Amino acid sequence: MKDLTEGSIASHLVRMALPIGIGMVFQTLYYLVDLYFVARLGDEAIAGVSAAGNLQFLVMALT
């Protein structure tokens, strides 16, 4: 385990934020791929996935 009381604060923050950033990139890619396949079903389906995606991003931002 890394001792967080030693070293630069900025490097500790970047090291802890990196996995979160990677997870958010994968969530966004998942959302875009989902939209790609749902687009074949029609406008209502796209609207539903878009609304759910906006809600997902809001929940991610709050957490």
PDB file of N, CA and C in Angstrom:
ATOM      1  N   MET A   1       0.846  -1.173   0.000  1.00  0.00           N
ATOM      2  CA  MET A   1       0.000   0.000   0.000  1.00  0.00           C
ATOM      3  C   MET A   1       0.892   1.237   0.000  1.00  0.00           C
ATOM      4  N   LYS A   2       0.502   2.226  -0.795  1.00  0.00           N
ATOM      5  CA  LYS A   2       1.271   3.465  -0.939  1.00  0.00           C
ATOM      6  C   LYS A   2       0.960   4.404   0.221  1.00  0.00           C
ATOM      7  N   ASP A   3       2.007   4.982   0.799  1.00  0.00           N
ATOM      8  CA  ASP A   3       1.850   5.948   1.880  1.00  0.00           C
ATOM      9  C   ASP A   3       1.498   7.305   1.274  1.00  0.00           C
ATOM     10  N   LEU A   4       0.280   7.771   1.498  1.00  0.00           N
ATOM     11  CA  LEU A   4      -0.176   9.020   0.903  1.00  0.00           C
ATOM     12  C   LEU A   4       0.312  10.253   1.646  1.00  0.00           C
ATOM     13  N   THR A   5       1.017  10.066   2.749  1.00  0.00           N
ATOM     14  CA  THR A   5       1.546  11.220   3.474  1.00  0.00           C
ATOM     15  C   THR A   5       2.901  11.649   2.944  1.00  0.00           C
ATOM     16  N   GLU A   6       3.470  10.875   2.024  1.00  0.00           N
ATOM     17  CA  GLU A   6       4.772  11.207   1.458  1.00  0.00           C
ATOM     18  C   GLU A   6       4.622  11.458  -0.032  1.00  0.00           C
ATOM     19  N   GLY A   7       5.321  12.454  -0.542  1.00  0.00           N
ATOM     20  CA  GLY A   7       5.300  12.748  -1.970  1.00  0.00           C
ATOM     21  C   GLY A   7       4.374  13.896  -2.309  1.00  0.00           C
ATOM     22  N   SER A   8       4.257  14.150  -3.593  1.00  0.00           N
ATOM     23  CA  SER A   8       3.476  15.265  -4.104  1.00  0.00           C
ATOM     24  C   SER A   8       1.975  14.973  -4.031  1.00  0.00           C
ATOM     25  N   ILE A   9       1.223  15.972  -3.605  1.00  0.00           N
ATOM     26  CA  ILE A   9      -0.229  15.820  -3.538  1.00  0.00           C
ATOM     27  C   ILE A   9      -0.805  15.667  -4.941  1.00  0.00           C
ATOM     28  N   ALA A  10      -0.284  16.440  -5.889  1.00  0.00           N
ATOM     29  CA  ALA A  10      -0.795  16.383  -7.259  1.00  0.00           C
ATOM     30  C   ALA A  10      -0.616  14.991  -7.864  1.00  0.00           C
ATOM     31  N   SER A  11       0.527  14.383  -7.641  1.00  0.00           N
ATOM     32  CA  SER A  11       0.741  13.037  -8.199  1.00  0.00           C
ATOM     33  C   SER A  11      -0.182  12.016  -7.553  1.00  0.00           C
ATOM     34  N   HIS A  12      -0.468  12.160  -6.271  1.00  0.00           N
ATOM     35  CA  HIS A  12      -1.408  11.254  -5.604  1.00  0.00           C
ATOM     36  C   HIS A  12      -2.813  11.420  -6.176  1.00  0.00           C
ATOM     37  N   LEU A  13      -3.222  12.667  -6.416  1.00  0.00           N
ATOM     38  CA  LEU A  13      -4.547  12.910  -6.973  1.00  0.00           C
ATOM     39  C   LEU A  13      -4.680  12.338  -8.374  1.00  0.00           C
ATOM     40  N   VAL A  14      -3.651  12.519  -9.197  1.00  0.00           N
ATOM     41  CA  VAL A  14      -3.686  11.983 -10.557  1.00  0.00           C
ATOM     42  C   VAL A  14      -3.732  10.465 -10.522  1.00  0.00           C
ATOM     43  N   ARG A  15      -2.947   9.851  -9.659  1.00  0.00           N
ATOM     44  CA  ARG A  15      -2.912   8.395  -9.570  1.00  0.00           C
ATOM     45  C   ARG A  15      -4.264   7.834  -9.109  1.00  0.00           C
ATOM     46  N   MET A  16      -4.976   8.554  -8.242  1.00  0.00           N
ATOM     47  CA  MET A  16      -6.278   8.075  -7.796  1.00  0.00           C
ATOM     48  C   MET A  16      -7.377   8.387  -8.813  1.00  0.00           C
ATOM     49  N   ALA A  17      -7.221   9.466  -9.570  1.00  0.00           N
ATOM     50  CA  ALA A  17      -8.258   9.869 -10.524  1.00  0.00           C
ATOM     51  C   ALA A  17      -8.163   9.105 -11.845  1.00  0.00           C
ATOM     52  N   LEU A  18      -7.029   8.568 -12.164  1.00  0.00           N
ATOM     53  CA  LEU A  18      -6.840   7.882 -13.438  1.00  0.00           C
ATOM     54  C   LEU A  18      -7.813   6.713 -13.640  1.00  0.00           C
ATOM     55  N   PRO A  19      -7.992   5.805 -12.685  1.00  0.00           N
ATOM     56  CA  PRO A  19      -8.961   4.715 -12.900  1.00  0.00           C
ATOM     57  C   PRO A  19     -10.399   5.224 -13.057  1.00  0.00           C
ATOM     58  N   ILE A  20     -10.730   6.294 -12.356  1.00  0.00           N
ATOM     59  CA  ILE A  20     -12.065   6.861 -12.478  1.00  0.00           C
ATOM     60  C   ILE A  20     -12.262   7.424 -13.884  1.00  0.00           C
ATOM     61  N   GLY A  21     -11.263   8.136 -14.393  1.00  0.00           N
ATOM     62  CA  GLY A  21     -11.344   8.684 -15.742  1.00  0.00           C
ATOM     63  C   GLY A  21     -11.465   7.604 -16.795  1.00  0.00           C
ATOM     64  N   ILE A  22     -10.708   6.538 -16.642  1.00  0.00           N
ATOM     65  CA  ILE A  22     -10.784   5.417 -17.589  1.00  0.00           C
ATOM     66  C   ILE A  22     -12.170   4.783 -17.536  1.00  0.00           C
ATOM     67  N   GLY A  23     -12.720   4.628 -16.350  1.00  0.00           N
ATOM     68  CA  GLY A  23     -14.071   4.081 -16.214  1.00  0.00           C
ATOM     69  C   GLY A  23     -15.110   4.956 -16.883  1.00  0.00           C
ATOM     70  N   MET A  24     -14.964   6.272 -16.777  1.00  0.00           N
ATOM     71  CA  MET A  24     -15.913   7.177 -17.414  1.00  0.00           C
ATOM     72  C   MET A  24     -15.807   7.118 -18.934  1.00  0.00           C
ATOM     73  N   VAL A  25     -14.597   6.929 -19.454  1.00  0.00           N
ATOM     74  CA  VAL A  25     -14.424   6.781 -20.906  1.00  0.00           C
ATOM     75  C   VAL A  25     -15.138   5.523 -21.384  1.00  0.00           C
ATOM     76  N   PHE A  26     -14.996   4.423 -20.660  1.00  0.00           N
ATOM     77  CA  PHE A  26     -15.665   3.186 -21.052  1.00  0.00           C
ATOM     78  C   PHE A  26     -17.188   3.307 -20.943  1.00  0.00           C
ATOM     79  N   GLN A  27     -17.679   4.028 -19.947  1.00  0.00           N
ATOM     80  CA  GLN A  27     -19.123   4.249 -19.841  1.00  0.00           C
ATOM     81  C   GLN A  27     -19.634   5.044 -21.039  1.00  0.00           C
ATOM     82  N   THR A  28     -18.887   6.042 -21.470  1.00  0.00           N
ATOM     83  CA  THR A  28     -19.272   6.843 -22.624  1.00  0.00           C
ATOM     84  C   THR A  28     -19.250   6.010 -23.897  1.00  0.00           C
ATOM     85  N   LEU A  29     -18.224   5.180 -24.064  1.00  0.00           N
ATOM     86  CA  LEU A  29     -18.164   4.306 -25.239  1.00  0.00           C
ATOM     87  C   LEU A  29     -19.321   3.309 -25.244  1.00  0.00           C
ATOM     88  N   TYR A  30     -19.656   2.784 -24.080  1.00  0.00           N
ATOM     89  CA  TYR A  30     -20.795   1.865 -23.967  1.00  0.00           C
ATOM     90  C   TYR A  30     -22.077   2.565 -24.402  1.00  0.00           C
ATOM     91  N   TYR A  31     -22.250   3.801 -23.975  1.00  0.00           N
ATOM     92  CA  TYR A  31     -23.427   4.594 -24.320  1.00  0.00           C
ATOM     93  C   TYR A  31     -23.484   4.846 -25.826  1.00  0.00           C
ATOM     94  N   LEU A  32     -22.370   5.195 -26.449  1.00  0.00           N
ATOM     95  CA  LEU A  32     -22.345   5.479 -27.882  1.00  0.00           C
ATOM     96  C   LEU A  32     -22.607   4.227 -28.719  1.00  0.00           C
ATOM     97  N   VAL A  33     -22.049   3.092 -28.317  1.00  0.00           N
ATOM     98  CA  VAL A  33     -22.307   1.839 -29.036  1.00  0.00           C
ATOM     99  C   VAL A  33     -23.777   1.454 -28.896  1.00  0.00           C
ATOM    100  N   ASP A  34     -24.334   1.644 -27.712  1.00  0.00           N
ATOM    101  CA  ASP A  34     -25.745   1.369 -27.500  1.00  0.00           C
ATOM    102  C   ASP A  34     -26.607   2.239 -28.413  1.00  0.00           C
ATOM    103  N   LEU A  35     -26.280   3.527 -28.523  1.00  0.00           N
ATOM    104  CA  LEU A  35     -27.024   4.418 -29.412  1.00  0.00           C
ATOM    105  C   LEU A  35     -26.911   3.983 -30.866  1.00  0.00           C
ATOM    106  N   TYR A  36     -25.758   3.505 -31.258  1.00  0.00           N
ATOM    107  CA  TYR A  36     -25.548   3.071 -32.637  1.00  0.00           C
ATOM    108  C   TYR A  36     -26.513   1.943 -33.008  1.00  0.00           C
ATOM    109  N   PHE A  37     -26.644   0.959 -32.137  1.00  0.00           N
ATOM    110  CA  PHE A  37     -27.507  -0.178 -32.448  1.00  0.00           C
ATOM    111  C   PHE A  37     -28.984   0.150 -32.249  1.00  0.00           C
ATOM    112  N   VAL A  38     -29.299   1.003 -31.292  1.00  0.00           N
ATOM    113  CA  VAL A  38     -30.697   1.360 -31.051  1.00  0.00           C
ATOM    114  C   VAL A  38     -31.214   2.289 -32.145  1.00  0.00           C
ATOM    115  N   ALA A  39     -30.331   3.006 -32.824  1.00  0.00           N
ATOM    116  CA  ALA A  39     -30.744   3.935 -33.877  1.00  0.00           C
ATOM    117  C   ALA A  39     -31.505   3.235 -34.989  1.00  0.00           C
ATOM    118  N   ARG A  40     -31.288   1.963 -35.168  1.00  0.00           N
ATOM    119  CA  ARG A  40     -31.994   1.205 -36.199  1.00  0.00           C
ATOM    120  C   ARG A  40     -33.457   0.951 -35.838  1.00  0.00           C
ATOM    121  N   LEU A  41     -33.818   1.158 -34.575  1.00  0.00           N
ATOM    122  CA  LEU A  41     -35.180   0.868 -34.124  1.00  0.00           C
ATOM    123  C   LEU A  41     -36.131   2.045 -34.278  1.00  0.00           C
ATOM    124  N   GLY A  42     -35.615   3.244 -34.478  1.00  0.00           N
ATOM    125  CA  GLY A  42     -36.489   4.390 -34.677  1.00  0.00           C
ATOM    126  C   GLY A  42     -36.198   5.536 -33.727  1.00  0.00           C
ATOM    127  N   ASP A  43     -36.934   6.613 -33.963  1.00  0.00           N
ATOM    128  CA  ASP A  43     -36.715   7.850 -33.200  1.00  0.00           C
ATOM    129  C   ASP A  43     -37.091   7.713 -31.734  1.00  0.00           C
ATOM    130  N   GLU A  44     -38.156   7.004 -31.432  1.00  0.00           N
ATOM    131  CA  GLU A  44     -38.583   6.858 -30.045  1.00  0.00           C
ATOM    132  C   GLU A  44     -37.542   6.092 -29.225  1.00  0.00           C
ATOM    133  N   ALA A  45     -36.956   5.088 -29.839  1.00  0.00           N
ATOM    134  CA  ALA A  45     -35.927   4.309 -29.146  1.00  0.00           C
ATOM    135  C   ALA A  45     -34.690   5.159 -28.878  1.00  0.00           C
ATOM    136  N   ILE A  46     -34.316   5.977 -29.840  1.00  0.00           N
ATOM    137  CA  ILE A  46     -33.159   6.872 -29.645  1.00  0.00           C
ATOM    138  C   ILE A  46     -33.446   7.854 -28.520  1.00  0.00           C
ATOM    139  N   ALA A  47     -34.665   8.394 -28.487  1.00  0.00           N
ATOM    140  CA  ALA A  47     -35.026   9.342 -27.428  1.00  0.00           C
ATOM    141  C   ALA A  47     -34.974   8.676 -26.054  1.00  0.00           C
ATOM    142  N   GLY A  48     -35.430   7.435 -25.967  1.00  0.00           N
ATOM    143  CA  GLY A  48     -35.391   6.726 -24.690  1.00  0.00           C
ATOM    144  C   GLY A  48     -33.977   6.450 -24.217  1.00  0.00           C
ATOM    145  N   VAL A  49     -33.129   6.003 -25.121  1.00  0.00           N
ATOM    146  CA  VAL A  49     -31.734   5.732 -24.747  1.00  0.00           C
ATOM    147  C   VAL A  49     -31.016   7.024 -24.407  1.00  0.00           C
ATOM    148  N   SER A  50     -31.314   8.091 -25.124  1.00  0.00           N
ATOM    149  CA  SER A  50     -30.677   9.386 -24.834  1.00  0.00           C
ATOM    150  C   SER A  50     -31.087   9.900 -23.463  1.00  0.00           C
ATOM    151  N   ALA A  51     -32.357   9.774 -23.133  1.00  0.00           N
ATOM    152  CA  ALA A  51     -32.817  10.215 -21.813  1.00  0.00           C
ATOM    153  C   ALA A  51     -32.162   9.383 -20.709  1.00  0.00           C
ATOM    154  N   ALA A  52     -32.085   8.076 -20.916  1.00  0.00           N
ATOM    155  CA  ALA A  52     -31.440   7.216 -19.922  1.00  0.00           C
ATOM    156  C   ALA A  52     -29.949   7.527 -19.818  1.00  0.00           C
ATOM    157  N   GLY A  53     -29.320   7.837 -20.950  1.00  0.00           N
ATOM    158  CA  GLY A  53     -27.900   8.193 -20.931  1.00  0.00           C
ATOM    159  C   GLY A  53     -27.644   9.481 -20.171  1.00  0.00           C
ATOM    160  N   ASN A  54     -28.521  10.464 -20.355  1.00  0.00           N
ATOM    161  CA  ASN A  54     -28.377  11.720 -19.607  1.00  0.00           C
ATOM    162  C   ASN A  54     -28.538  11.484 -18.115  1.00  0.00           C
ATOM    163  N   LEU A  55     -29.474  10.640 -17.754  1.00  0.00           N
ATOM    164  CA  LEU A  55     -29.664  10.303 -16.339  1.00  0.00           C
ATOM    165  C   LEU A  55     -28.438   9.575 -15.787  1.00  0.00           C
ATOM    166  N   GLN A  56     -27.870   8.690 -16.589  1.00  0.00           N
ATOM    167  CA  GLN A  56     -26.673   7.958 -16.168  1.00  0.00           C
ATOM    168  C   GLN A  56     -25.510   8.921 -15.921  1.00  0.00           C
ATOM    169  N   PHE A  57     -25.319   9.874 -16.827  1.00  0.00           N
ATOM    170  CA  PHE A  57     -24.231  10.836 -16.644  1.00  0.00           C
ATOM    171  C   PHE A  57     -24.476  11.728 -15.433  1.00  0.00           C
ATOM    172  N   LEU A  58     -25.725  12.059 -15.158  1.00  0.00           N
ATOM    173  CA  LEU A  58     -26.046  12.854 -13.976  1.00  0.00           C
ATOM    174  C   LEU A  58     -25.713  12.082 -12.698  1.00  0.00           C
ATOM    175  N   VAL A  59     -26.068  10.807 -12.664  1.00  0.00           N
ATOM    176  CA  VAL A  59     -25.755   9.975 -11.498  1.00  0.00           C
ATOM    177  C   VAL A  59     -24.247   9.839 -11.332  1.00  0.00           C
ATOM    178  N   MET A  60     -23.525   9.656 -12.454  1.00  0.00           N
ATOM    179  CA  MET A  60     -22.065   9.559 -12.378  1.00  0.00           C
ATOM    180  C   MET A  60     -21.458  10.855 -11.833  1.00  0.00           C
ATOM    181  N   ALA A  61     -22.007  11.991 -12.254  1.00  0.00           N
ATOM    182  CA  ALA A  61     -21.485  13.272 -11.787  1.00  0.00           C
ATOM    183  C   ALA A  61     -21.748  13.459 -10.300  1.00  0.00           C
ATOM    184  N   LEU A  62     -22.885  12.996  -9.824  1.00  0.00           N
ATOM    185  CA  LEU A  62     -23.213  13.154  -8.397  1.00  0.00           C
ATOM    186  C   LEU A  62     -22.406  12.228  -7.513  1.00  0.00           C
ATOM    187  N   THR A  63     -22.018  11.071  -8.060  1.00  0.00           N
ATOM    188  CA  THR A  63     -21.244  10.150  -7.241  1.00  0.00           C
ATOM    189  C   THR A  63     -19.795  10.466  -7.373  1.00  0.00           C
TER     190      THR A  63
END
